Amino acid sequence: MDRYQRIALTLGVCVTVASVAAAYWARYALVEVDGLEAYCAQAAREFRCTLRMAVIAAFQQHRLGGAAILLTALAFWTRRGSLALLALAVAGTGLVLYDADVSAVAWIAAALTLQRAATGQQTPAPV
């Protein structure tokens, strides 16, 4: 494993851990809080309630998994490690926030794309 691969691996792990931690916070501080739904029904304009509804809408409509797949495809096409890291973050969030089916595929593909970007592998040109 060369230097760039070690850096990519470290960044990938850090980004995944940070996104999963943030998603767990959102899940247990915004979505699954007892009484918050009733409170937000009365005070819908409060920032916490608006953020809660945005998080719920993101996983109900599979936006997290879809965004992770789109970012992974874009990272693969452009061979940019930064887009692969962003895809890892979105996929890690989707793994925790009820969009695991699509996010798991996107996370694996993003990890492979990050490794590809770190090694500088070139694919053969189409004929």
N, C-alpha and C. Protein backbone atom coordinates (compact mmCIF):
# COMPACT_ATOMS: atom_id res chain seq x y z
N MET A 1 0.86 -1.17 0.00
CA MET A 1 0.00 0.00 0.00
C MET A 1 0.91 1.23 0.00
N ASP A 2 0.73 2.08 -0.98
CA ASP A 2 1.56 3.27 -1.04
C ASP A 2 0.98 4.40 -0.19
N ARG A 3 1.66 5.48 -0.19
CA ARG A 3 1.30 6.63 0.66
C ARG A 3 -0.09 7.17 0.34
N TYR A 4 -0.41 7.33 -0.92
CA TYR A 4 -1.69 7.89 -1.32
C TYR A 4 -2.86 6.97 -0.94
N GLN A 5 -2.63 5.68 -1.04
CA GLN A 5 -3.67 4.74 -0.64
C GLN A 5 -3.91 4.80 0.87
N ARG A 6 -2.84 4.93 1.66
CA ARG A 6 -3.01 5.06 3.11
C ARG A 6 -3.77 6.34 3.48
N ILE A 7 -3.44 7.42 2.81
CA ILE A 7 -4.14 8.69 3.07
C ILE A 7 -5.61 8.56 2.69
N ALA A 8 -5.88 7.95 1.53
CA ALA A 8 -7.27 7.78 1.10
C ALA A 8 -8.04 6.88 2.06
N LEU A 9 -7.40 5.82 2.53
CA LEU A 9 -8.04 4.93 3.49
C LEU A 9 -8.35 5.66 4.79
N THR A 10 -7.40 6.43 5.29
CA THR A 10 -7.60 7.19 6.52
C THR A 10 -8.72 8.21 6.36
N LEU A 11 -8.70 8.95 5.26
CA LEU A 11 -9.76 9.93 5.02
C LEU A 11 -11.12 9.26 4.86
N GLY A 12 -11.16 8.15 4.16
CA GLY A 12 -12.42 7.43 3.98
C GLY A 12 -13.00 6.95 5.30
N VAL A 13 -12.15 6.42 6.17
CA VAL A 13 -12.62 5.96 7.48
C VAL A 13 -13.09 7.15 8.31
N CYS A 14 -12.33 8.23 8.32
CA CYS A 14 -12.71 9.41 9.11
C CYS A 14 -14.02 10.02 8.63
N VAL A 15 -14.18 10.13 7.32
CA VAL A 15 -15.41 10.69 6.76
C VAL A 15 -16.60 9.79 7.09
N THR A 16 -16.42 8.50 6.97
CA THR A 16 -17.50 7.57 7.27
C THR A 16 -17.88 7.63 8.75
N VAL A 17 -16.91 7.63 9.63
CA VAL A 17 -17.19 7.69 11.07
C VAL A 17 -17.90 9.00 11.42
N ALA A 18 -17.43 10.10 10.87
CA ALA A 18 -18.06 11.39 11.16
C ALA A 18 -19.50 11.45 10.64
N SER A 19 -19.73 10.94 9.44
CA SER A 19 -21.09 11.00 8.89
C SER A 19 -22.03 10.06 9.64
N VAL A 20 -21.54 8.90 10.04
CA VAL A 20 -22.37 7.97 10.81
C VAL A 20 -22.69 8.56 12.18
N ALA A 21 -21.70 9.22 12.80
CA ALA A 21 -21.95 9.86 14.10
C ALA A 21 -22.98 10.98 13.98
N ALA A 22 -22.86 11.79 12.94
CA ALA A 22 -23.84 12.86 12.73
C ALA A 22 -25.22 12.29 12.44
N ALA A 23 -25.28 11.21 11.71
CA ALA A 23 -26.57 10.59 11.40
C ALA A 23 -27.21 9.99 12.65
N TYR A 24 -26.39 9.39 13.52
CA TYR A 24 -26.94 8.87 14.77
C TYR A 24 -27.47 10.01 15.64
N TRP A 25 -26.75 11.14 15.65
CA TRP A 25 -27.26 12.29 16.39
C TRP A 25 -28.61 12.73 15.81
N ALA A 26 -28.69 12.85 14.50
CA ALA A 26 -29.95 13.28 13.88
C ALA A 26 -31.06 12.27 14.16
N ARG A 27 -30.73 11.01 14.12
CA ARG A 27 -31.75 9.97 14.34
C ARG A 27 -32.31 10.02 15.76
N TYR A 28 -31.40 10.11 16.75
CA TYR A 28 -31.87 10.03 18.13
C TYR A 28 -32.13 11.37 18.78
N ALA A 29 -31.73 12.47 18.16
CA ALA A 29 -32.02 13.80 18.72
C ALA A 29 -33.14 14.50 17.96
N LEU A 30 -33.44 14.04 16.74
CA LEU A 30 -34.48 14.71 15.95
C LEU A 30 -35.64 13.80 15.56
N VAL A 31 -35.33 12.60 15.12
CA VAL A 31 -36.37 11.75 14.55
C VAL A 31 -37.08 10.91 15.61
N GLU A 32 -36.33 10.25 16.45
CA GLU A 32 -36.92 9.30 17.39
C GLU A 32 -37.04 9.85 18.82
N VAL A 33 -37.34 11.11 18.95
CA VAL A 33 -37.49 11.73 20.27
C VAL A 33 -38.96 11.67 20.66
N ASP A 34 -39.22 11.14 21.86
CA ASP A 34 -40.60 11.07 22.34
C ASP A 34 -41.15 12.48 22.55
N GLY A 35 -42.30 12.73 22.00
CA GLY A 35 -42.98 14.00 22.19
C GLY A 35 -42.59 15.10 21.22
N LEU A 36 -41.53 14.90 20.45
CA LEU A 36 -41.11 15.96 19.53
C LEU A 36 -42.08 16.11 18.37
N GLU A 37 -42.69 15.02 17.96
CA GLU A 37 -43.66 15.10 16.86
C GLU A 37 -44.86 15.96 17.27
N ALA A 38 -45.36 15.75 18.47
CA ALA A 38 -46.49 16.54 18.96
C ALA A 38 -46.08 18.00 19.15
N TYR A 39 -44.87 18.22 19.64
CA TYR A 39 -44.39 19.58 19.83
C TYR A 39 -44.25 20.29 18.49
N CYS A 40 -43.72 19.59 17.50
CA CYS A 40 -43.53 20.21 16.18
C CYS A 40 -44.85 20.44 15.45
N ALA A 41 -45.88 19.70 15.82
CA ALA A 41 -47.19 19.95 15.22
C ALA A 41 -47.72 21.31 15.65
N GLN A 42 -47.31 21.77 16.82
CA GLN A 42 -47.75 23.07 17.32
C GLN A 42 -46.77 24.19 16.96
N ALA A 43 -45.48 23.90 16.97
CA ALA A 43 -44.44 24.90 16.73
C ALA A 43 -43.64 24.52 15.50
N ALA A 44 -44.29 24.47 14.37
CA ALA A 44 -43.65 23.99 13.14
C ALA A 44 -42.57 24.92 12.61
N ARG A 45 -42.58 26.17 13.01
CA ARG A 45 -41.60 27.13 12.48
C ARG A 45 -40.28 27.14 13.24
N GLU A 46 -40.17 26.38 14.29
CA GLU A 46 -38.93 26.31 15.04
C GLU A 46 -37.89 25.58 14.22
N PHE A 47 -36.62 26.00 14.36
CA PHE A 47 -35.54 25.44 13.55
C PHE A 47 -35.40 23.93 13.75
N ARG A 48 -35.52 23.47 14.99
CA ARG A 48 -35.37 22.04 15.25
C ARG A 48 -36.45 21.24 14.53
N CYS A 49 -37.65 21.76 14.48
CA CYS A 49 -38.74 21.06 13.79
C CYS A 49 -38.54 21.08 12.27
N THR A 50 -38.06 22.20 11.76
CA THR A 50 -37.77 22.28 10.33
C THR A 50 -36.67 21.30 9.94
N LEU A 51 -35.62 21.24 10.75
CA LEU A 51 -34.54 20.31 10.51
C LEU A 51 -35.04 18.87 10.60
N ARG A 52 -35.89 18.60 11.56
CA ARG A 52 -36.46 17.25 11.72
C ARG A 52 -37.24 16.84 10.48
N MET A 53 -38.05 17.73 9.97
CA MET A 53 -38.85 17.41 8.77
C MET A 53 -37.96 17.22 7.55
N ALA A 54 -36.86 17.97 7.46
CA ALA A 54 -35.94 17.80 6.33
C ALA A 54 -35.25 16.44 6.40
N VAL A 55 -34.86 16.02 7.60
CA VAL A 55 -34.22 14.70 7.76
C VAL A 55 -35.20 13.59 7.41
N ILE A 56 -36.43 13.72 7.88
CA ILE A 56 -37.44 12.70 7.60
C ILE A 56 -37.73 12.63 6.10
N ALA A 57 -37.86 13.77 5.46
CA ALA A 57 -38.13 13.79 4.01
C ALA A 57 -36.96 13.18 3.23
N ALA A 58 -35.74 13.38 3.71
CA ALA A 58 -34.57 12.84 3.00
C ALA A 58 -34.58 11.32 2.96
N PHE A 59 -34.98 10.68 4.05
CA PHE A 59 -34.95 9.21 4.00
C PHE A 59 -36.26 8.61 3.54
N GLN A 60 -37.36 9.31 3.68
CA GLN A 60 -38.63 8.76 3.19
C GLN A 60 -38.66 8.69 1.68
N GLN A 61 -38.04 9.62 1.03
CA GLN A 61 -38.07 9.66 -0.43
C GLN A 61 -36.77 9.11 -1.03
N HIS A 62 -35.97 8.42 -0.22
CA HIS A 62 -34.72 7.79 -0.65
C HIS A 62 -33.76 8.78 -1.31
N ARG A 63 -33.75 10.00 -0.81
CA ARG A 63 -32.85 11.00 -1.38
C ARG A 63 -31.40 10.76 -0.99
N LEU A 64 -31.18 10.21 0.20
CA LEU A 64 -29.79 9.97 0.64
C LEU A 64 -29.12 8.91 -0.23
N GLY A 65 -29.78 7.80 -0.44
CA GLY A 65 -29.21 6.75 -1.28
C GLY A 65 -29.05 7.19 -2.72
N GLY A 66 -30.04 7.89 -3.24
CA GLY A 66 -29.96 8.39 -4.62
C GLY A 66 -28.84 9.39 -4.80
N ALA A 67 -28.67 10.29 -3.83
CA ALA A 67 -27.58 11.26 -3.91
C ALA A 67 -26.23 10.56 -3.81
N ALA A 68 -26.15 9.55 -2.97
CA ALA A 68 -24.89 8.81 -2.83
C ALA A 68 -24.53 8.08 -4.12
N ILE A 69 -25.52 7.46 -4.75
CA ILE A 69 -25.27 6.79 -6.04
C ILE A 69 -24.85 7.80 -7.10
N LEU A 70 -25.52 8.93 -7.16
CA LEU A 70 -25.18 9.96 -8.14
C LEU A 70 -23.77 10.50 -7.91
N LEU A 71 -23.42 10.78 -6.66
CA LEU A 71 -22.07 11.27 -6.36
C LEU A 71 -21.01 10.22 -6.66
N THR A 72 -21.32 8.96 -6.38
CA THR A 72 -20.38 7.89 -6.69
C THR A 72 -20.15 7.78 -8.19
N ALA A 73 -21.21 7.83 -8.96
CA ALA A 73 -21.07 7.76 -10.43
C ALA A 73 -20.28 8.95 -10.95
N LEU A 74 -20.53 10.13 -10.40
CA LEU A 74 -19.79 11.31 -10.82
C LEU A 74 -18.31 11.21 -10.43
N ALA A 75 -18.04 10.68 -9.24
CA ALA A 75 -16.65 10.49 -8.80
C ALA A 75 -15.95 9.46 -9.67
N PHE A 76 -16.65 8.41 -10.03
CA PHE A 76 -16.06 7.38 -10.89
C PHE A 76 -15.75 7.94 -12.27
N TRP A 77 -16.67 8.71 -12.79
CA TRP A 77 -16.50 9.26 -14.13
C TRP A 77 -15.38 10.29 -14.18
N THR A 78 -15.29 11.15 -13.16
CA THR A 78 -14.28 12.21 -13.15
C THR A 78 -12.97 11.80 -12.49
N ARG A 79 -12.96 10.64 -11.81
CA ARG A 79 -11.79 10.14 -11.09
C ARG A 79 -11.32 11.12 -10.02
N ARG A 80 -12.28 11.71 -9.31
CA ARG A 80 -11.97 12.67 -8.25
C ARG A 80 -12.21 12.04 -6.89
N GLY A 81 -11.19 12.01 -6.09
CA GLY A 81 -11.28 11.45 -4.76
C GLY A 81 -12.17 12.27 -3.83
N SER A 82 -12.22 13.58 -4.03
CA SER A 82 -13.05 14.43 -3.17
C SER A 82 -14.53 14.11 -3.35
N LEU A 83 -14.95 13.81 -4.55
CA LEU A 83 -16.35 13.42 -4.77
C LEU A 83 -16.63 12.04 -4.19
N ALA A 84 -15.64 11.16 -4.24
CA ALA A 84 -15.81 9.84 -3.62
C ALA A 84 -15.94 9.97 -2.11
N LEU A 85 -15.17 10.89 -1.50
CA LEU A 85 -15.30 11.13 -0.05
C LEU A 85 -16.68 11.68 0.29
N LEU A 86 -17.17 12.59 -0.54
CA LEU A 86 -18.52 13.13 -0.31
C LEU A 86 -19.57 12.03 -0.46
N ALA A 87 -19.38 11.16 -1.43
CA ALA A 87 -20.30 10.04 -1.61
C ALA A 87 -20.26 9.11 -0.41
N LEU A 88 -19.07 8.88 0.16
CA LEU A 88 -18.95 8.06 1.37
C LEU A 88 -19.71 8.69 2.53
N ALA A 89 -19.63 10.00 2.65
CA ALA A 89 -20.33 10.70 3.73
C ALA A 89 -21.84 10.58 3.58
N VAL A 90 -22.34 10.80 2.39
CA VAL A 90 -23.79 10.72 2.16
C VAL A 90 -24.28 9.27 2.33
N ALA A 91 -23.50 8.33 1.83
CA ALA A 91 -23.89 6.92 1.98
C ALA A 91 -23.85 6.48 3.44
N GLY A 92 -22.86 6.94 4.19
CA GLY A 92 -22.79 6.62 5.61
C GLY A 92 -23.98 7.17 6.36
N THR A 93 -24.42 8.35 6.00
CA THR A 93 -25.61 8.93 6.61
C THR A 93 -26.85 8.12 6.26
N GLY A 94 -26.94 7.70 5.02
CA GLY A 94 -28.08 6.89 4.59
C GLY A 94 -28.12 5.53 5.25
N LEU A 95 -26.96 4.97 5.59
CA LEU A 95 -26.93 3.68 6.27
C LEU A 95 -27.62 3.75 7.62
N VAL A 96 -27.51 4.87 8.30
CA VAL A 96 -28.10 5.03 9.63
C VAL A 96 -29.53 5.54 9.54
N LEU A 97 -29.81 6.37 8.56
CA LEU A 97 -31.13 7.02 8.48
C LEU A 97 -32.07 6.27 7.53
N TYR A 98 -32.24 5.00 7.75
CA TYR A 98 -33.31 4.19 7.16
C TYR A 98 -33.28 4.08 5.64
N ASP A 99 -32.13 4.31 5.01
CA ASP A 99 -32.01 4.17 3.56
C ASP A 99 -30.83 3.26 3.26
N ALA A 100 -30.75 2.16 4.00
CA ALA A 100 -29.57 1.31 3.95
C ALA A 100 -29.46 0.49 2.68
N ASP A 101 -30.56 0.15 2.04
CA ASP A 101 -30.50 -0.71 0.87
C ASP A 101 -29.69 -0.08 -0.26
N VAL A 102 -29.99 1.14 -0.61
CA VAL A 102 -29.27 1.81 -1.70
C VAL A 102 -27.94 2.37 -1.19
N SER A 103 -27.92 2.86 0.04
CA SER A 103 -26.71 3.47 0.59
C SER A 103 -25.57 2.47 0.76
N ALA A 104 -25.89 1.23 1.05
CA ALA A 104 -24.84 0.21 1.20
C ALA A 104 -24.13 -0.01 -0.13
N VAL A 105 -24.89 -0.10 -1.19
CA VAL A 105 -24.29 -0.27 -2.52
C VAL A 105 -23.46 0.96 -2.88
N ALA A 106 -23.99 2.13 -2.59
CA ALA A 106 -23.27 3.37 -2.90
C ALA A 106 -21.99 3.48 -2.07
N TRP A 107 -22.04 3.05 -0.80
CA TRP A 107 -20.85 3.13 0.05
C TRP A 107 -19.74 2.24 -0.48
N ILE A 108 -20.08 1.02 -0.87
CA ILE A 108 -19.06 0.11 -1.40
C ILE A 108 -18.49 0.65 -2.71
N ALA A 109 -19.35 1.13 -3.57
CA ALA A 109 -18.88 1.67 -4.85
C ALA A 109 -18.03 2.93 -4.63
N ALA A 110 -18.41 3.77 -3.67
CA ALA A 110 -17.62 4.96 -3.39
C ALA A 110 -16.27 4.62 -2.80
N ALA A 111 -16.21 3.60 -1.95
CA ALA A 111 -14.93 3.17 -1.39
C ALA A 111 -14.01 2.65 -2.48
N LEU A 112 -14.56 1.88 -3.41
CA LEU A 112 -13.75 1.38 -4.52
C LEU A 112 -13.31 2.51 -5.44
N THR A 113 -14.18 3.48 -5.64
CA THR A 113 -13.84 4.64 -6.47
C THR A 113 -12.75 5.47 -5.82
N LEU A 114 -12.82 5.61 -4.50
CA LEU A 114 -11.78 6.35 -3.77
C LEU A 114 -10.43 5.63 -3.90
N GLN A 115 -10.46 4.32 -3.80
CA GLN A 115 -9.23 3.54 -3.96
C GLN A 115 -8.69 3.70 -5.38
N ARG A 116 -9.57 3.70 -6.34
CA ARG A 116 -9.16 3.87 -7.74
C ARG A 116 -8.54 5.24 -7.96
N ALA A 117 -9.14 6.26 -7.34
CA ALA A 117 -8.60 7.62 -7.49
C ALA A 117 -7.24 7.73 -6.80
N ALA A 118 -7.07 7.03 -5.69
CA ALA A 118 -5.80 7.11 -4.96
C ALA A 118 -4.67 6.41 -5.68
N THR A 119 -4.97 5.36 -6.40
CA THR A 119 -3.92 4.64 -7.12
C THR A 119 -3.67 5.22 -8.49
N GLY A 120 -4.58 6.07 -8.95
CA GLY A 120 -4.40 6.68 -10.26
C GLY A 120 -4.60 5.72 -11.40
N GLN A 121 -5.40 4.67 -11.16
CA GLN A 121 -5.65 3.69 -12.21
C GLN A 121 -6.39 4.35 -13.37
N GLN A 122 -5.96 4.00 -14.53
CA GLN A 122 -6.62 4.51 -15.73
C GLN A 122 -7.36 3.34 -16.39
N THR A 123 -8.57 3.58 -16.79
CA THR A 123 -9.30 2.56 -17.50
C THR A 123 -8.99 2.67 -18.99
N PRO A 124 -9.05 1.57 -19.71
CA PRO A 124 -8.80 1.63 -21.15
C PRO A 124 -9.84 2.50 -21.84
N ALA A 125 -9.41 3.20 -22.84
CA ALA A 125 -10.33 4.04 -23.59
C ALA A 125 -11.29 3.18 -24.39
N PRO A 126 -12.55 3.62 -24.50
CA PRO A 126 -13.49 2.85 -25.31
C PRO A 126 -13.08 2.84 -26.77
N VAL A 127 -13.41 1.76 -27.43
CA VAL A 127 -13.02 1.59 -28.84
C VAL A 127 -13.93 2.37 -29.73
